C-alpha cells in the first residue's frame, strides 16, 4: 500500500495518494514513515496546518532523516512555516547531541 501511495503521488494523483496515506496512518498510527508520508500528501493538497501536525507527529515517533526532509520537494509549501523551522532546529539539535556525532 505504501508503494501504491507513492506511485499515485508521483503520477500526480495526489488525492488518491493522500487517501492511502490516511489509511496507512490510521492502521498504524505509531509508524513514523506513514506520518511523514501523510505530511507530504497534506502539504501537496495545501493543507499546511494538518501537514505540520503530521510532520511533527512523524518526528515525535522517531522520523529523523534530516537530509531528506531538507530536499523533499513535497514539503516546499511548508518551508517558511514557523513550525517547520522549529522541526528543523529540533532535528539538528538531536543530531548534534547524539552519541554518534
C-alpha atoms as a PDB file:
ATOM      1  CA  UNK A   1       0.000   0.000   0.000  1.00  0.00           C
ATOM      2  CA  UNK A   2       2.830   2.411   0.827  1.00  0.00           C
ATOM      3  CA  UNK A   3       4.350   1.903  -2.628  1.00  0.00           C
ATOM      4  CA  UNK A   4       0.968   2.465  -4.269  1.00  0.00           C
ATOM      5  CA  UNK A   5       0.516   5.722  -2.385  1.00  0.00           C
ATOM      6  CA  UNK A   6       3.955   6.851  -3.522  1.00  0.00           C
ATOM      7  CA  UNK A   7       3.171   5.875  -7.114  1.00  0.00           C
ATOM      8  CA  UNK A   8      -0.106   7.797  -7.072  1.00  0.00           C
ATOM      9  CA  UNK A   9       1.698  10.865  -5.799  1.00  0.00           C
ATOM     10  CA  UNK A  10       4.430  10.627  -8.434  1.00  0.00           C
ATOM     11  CA  UNK A  11       1.760  10.261 -11.126  1.00  0.00           C
ATOM     12  CA  UNK A  12       0.067  13.442  -9.931  1.00  0.00           C
ATOM     13  CA  UNK A  13      -2.874  11.587  -8.423  1.00  0.00           C
ATOM     14  CA  UNK A  14      -2.360  13.414  -5.145  1.00  0.00           C
ATOM     15  CA  UNK A  15      -5.837  12.877  -3.698  1.00  0.00           C
ATOM     16  CA  UNK A  16      -5.553   9.116  -4.179  1.00  0.00           C
ATOM     17  CA  UNK A  17      -2.089   9.115  -2.618  1.00  0.00           C
ATOM     18  CA  UNK A  18      -3.457  11.127   0.305  1.00  0.00           C
ATOM     19  CA  UNK A  19      -6.280   8.614   0.817  1.00  0.00           C
ATOM     20  CA  UNK A  20      -3.761   5.782   1.018  1.00  0.00           C
ATOM     21  CA  UNK A  21      -1.522   7.730   3.405  1.00  0.00           C
ATOM     22  CA  UNK A  22      -4.524   8.428   5.630  1.00  0.00           C
ATOM     23  CA  UNK A  23      -5.462   4.733   5.611  1.00  0.00           C
ATOM     24  CA  UNK A  24      -1.932   3.603   6.416  1.00  0.00           C
ATOM     25  CA  UNK A  25      -1.603   6.123   9.235  1.00  0.00           C
ATOM     26  CA  UNK A  26      -4.969   5.079  10.682  1.00  0.00           C
ATOM     27  CA  UNK A  27      -3.946   1.408  10.520  1.00  0.00           C
ATOM     28  CA  UNK A  28      -0.557   2.017  12.137  1.00  0.00           C
ATOM     29  CA  UNK A  29      -0.569   5.399  13.917  1.00  0.00           C
ATOM     30  CA  UNK A  30       2.844   4.779  15.518  1.00  0.00           C
ATOM     31  CA  UNK A  31       4.699   4.406  12.211  1.00  0.00           C
ATOM     32  CA  UNK A  32       6.876   7.486  11.631  1.00  0.00           C
ATOM     33  CA  UNK A  33       7.207   6.865   7.891  1.00  0.00           C
ATOM     34  CA  UNK A  34       3.449   6.759   7.439  1.00  0.00           C
ATOM     35  CA  UNK A  35       3.094  10.013   9.385  1.00  0.00           C
ATOM     36  CA  UNK A  36       5.833  11.592   7.255  1.00  0.00           C
ATOM     37  CA  UNK A  37       4.185  10.471   4.012  1.00  0.00           C
ATOM     38  CA  UNK A  38       0.863  11.813   5.254  1.00  0.00           C
ATOM     39  CA  UNK A  39       2.530  15.168   5.940  1.00  0.00           C
ATOM     40  CA  UNK A  40       3.848  15.212   2.384  1.00  0.00           C
ATOM     41  CA  UNK A  41       0.451  14.451   0.871  1.00  0.00           C
ATOM     42  CA  UNK A  42      -1.272  17.041   3.033  1.00  0.00           C
ATOM     43  CA  UNK A  43       1.313  19.644   2.038  1.00  0.00           C
ATOM     44  CA  UNK A  44       0.750  18.826  -1.632  1.00  0.00           C
ATOM     45  CA  UNK A  45      -3.002  19.412  -1.350  1.00  0.00           C
ATOM     46  CA  UNK A  46      -2.489  22.693   0.513  1.00  0.00           C
ATOM     47  CA  UNK A  47      -3.497  21.566   3.988  1.00  0.00           C
ATOM     48  CA  UNK A  48      -0.476  23.168   5.614  1.00  0.00           C
ATOM     49  CA  UNK A  49      -1.576  23.082   9.242  1.00  0.00           C
ATOM     50  CA  UNK A  50      -2.540  19.419   9.070  1.00  0.00           C
ATOM     51  CA  UNK A  51       0.726  18.725   7.238  1.00  0.00           C
ATOM     52  CA  UNK A  52       2.720  20.386  10.032  1.00  0.00           C
ATOM     53  CA  UNK A  53       0.797  18.340  12.602  1.00  0.00           C
ATOM     54  CA  UNK A  54       1.572  15.109  10.743  1.00  0.00           C
ATOM     55  CA  UNK A  55       5.228  16.070  10.317  1.00  0.00           C
ATOM     56  CA  UNK A  56       5.515  16.931  13.997  1.00  0.00           C
ATOM     57  CA  UNK A  57       3.975  13.566  14.822  1.00  0.00           C
ATOM     58  CA  UNK A  58       6.430  11.800  12.491  1.00  0.00           C
ATOM     59  CA  UNK A  59       9.368  13.390  14.318  1.00  0.00           C
ATOM     60  CA  UNK A  60       7.862  12.559  17.704  1.00  0.00           C
ATOM     61  CA  UNK A  61       7.584   8.946  16.558  1.00  0.00           C
ATOM     62  CA  UNK A  62      11.234   8.870  15.532  1.00  0.00           C
ATOM     63  CA  UNK A  63      11.476  10.216  11.987  1.00  0.00           C
ATOM     64  CA  UNK A  64      14.958  11.715  11.778  1.00  0.00           C
ATOM     65  CA  UNK A  65      16.077  11.832   8.126  1.00  0.00           C
ATOM     66  CA  UNK A  66      17.062  15.493   8.133  1.00  0.00           C
ATOM     67  CA  UNK A  67      18.785  15.352   4.743  1.00  0.00           C
ATOM     68  CA  UNK A  68      15.676  14.009   3.014  1.00  0.00           C
ATOM     69  CA  UNK A  69      13.402  16.435   4.825  1.00  0.00           C
ATOM     70  CA  UNK A  70      15.557  19.327   3.601  1.00  0.00           C
ATOM     71  CA  UNK A  71      15.343  18.302  -0.052  1.00  0.00           C
ATOM     72  CA  UNK A  72      11.897  16.682  -0.289  1.00  0.00           C
ATOM     73  CA  UNK A  73      10.001  18.889  -2.740  1.00  0.00           C
ATOM     74  CA  UNK A  74       6.676  17.588  -1.414  1.00  0.00           C
ATOM     75  CA  UNK A  75       7.259  19.825   1.602  1.00  0.00           C
ATOM     76  CA  UNK A  76       8.131  23.006  -0.318  1.00  0.00           C
ATOM     77  CA  UNK A  77       4.896  24.717   0.703  1.00  0.00           C
ATOM     78  CA  UNK A  78       5.862  24.310   4.379  1.00  0.00           C
ATOM     79  CA  UNK A  79       9.422  25.612   4.280  1.00  0.00           C
ATOM     80  CA  UNK A  80       8.575  29.101   5.568  1.00  0.00           C
ATOM     81  CA  UNK A  81       6.103  27.874   8.177  1.00  0.00           C
ATOM     82  CA  UNK A  82       7.439  28.717  11.667  1.00  0.00           C
ATOM     83  CA  UNK A  83       6.765  25.205  12.942  1.00  0.00           C
ATOM     84  CA  UNK A  84       8.671  23.686  10.023  1.00  0.00           C
ATOM     85  CA  UNK A  85      11.676  25.738  11.077  1.00  0.00           C
ATOM     86  CA  UNK A  86      11.242  24.502  14.654  1.00  0.00           C
ATOM     87  CA  UNK A  87      11.178  20.910  13.417  1.00  0.00           C
ATOM     88  CA  UNK A  88      14.454  21.505  11.576  1.00  0.00           C
ATOM     89  CA  UNK A  89      16.027  23.048  14.661  1.00  0.00           C
ATOM     90  CA  UNK A  90      14.866  20.092  16.747  1.00  0.00           C
ATOM     91  CA  UNK A  91      16.302  17.525  14.325  1.00  0.00           C
ATOM     92  CA  UNK A  92      19.598  19.390  14.002  1.00  0.00           C
ATOM     93  CA  UNK A  93      19.874  19.659  17.776  1.00  0.00           C
ATOM     94  CA  UNK A  94      19.068  15.973  18.249  1.00  0.00           C
ATOM     95  CA  UNK A  95      21.729  15.026  15.722  1.00  0.00           C
ATOM     96  CA  UNK A  96      24.293  17.315  17.343  1.00  0.00           C
ATOM     97  CA  UNK A  97      23.600  15.789  20.758  1.00  0.00           C
ATOM     98  CA  UNK A  98      23.509  12.162  19.640  1.00  0.00           C
ATOM     99  CA  UNK A  99      26.376   9.898  20.769  1.00  0.00           C
ATOM    100  CA  UNK A 100      27.207   9.053  17.129  1.00  0.00           C
ATOM    101  CA  UNK A 101      28.073  12.651  16.226  1.00  0.00           C
END
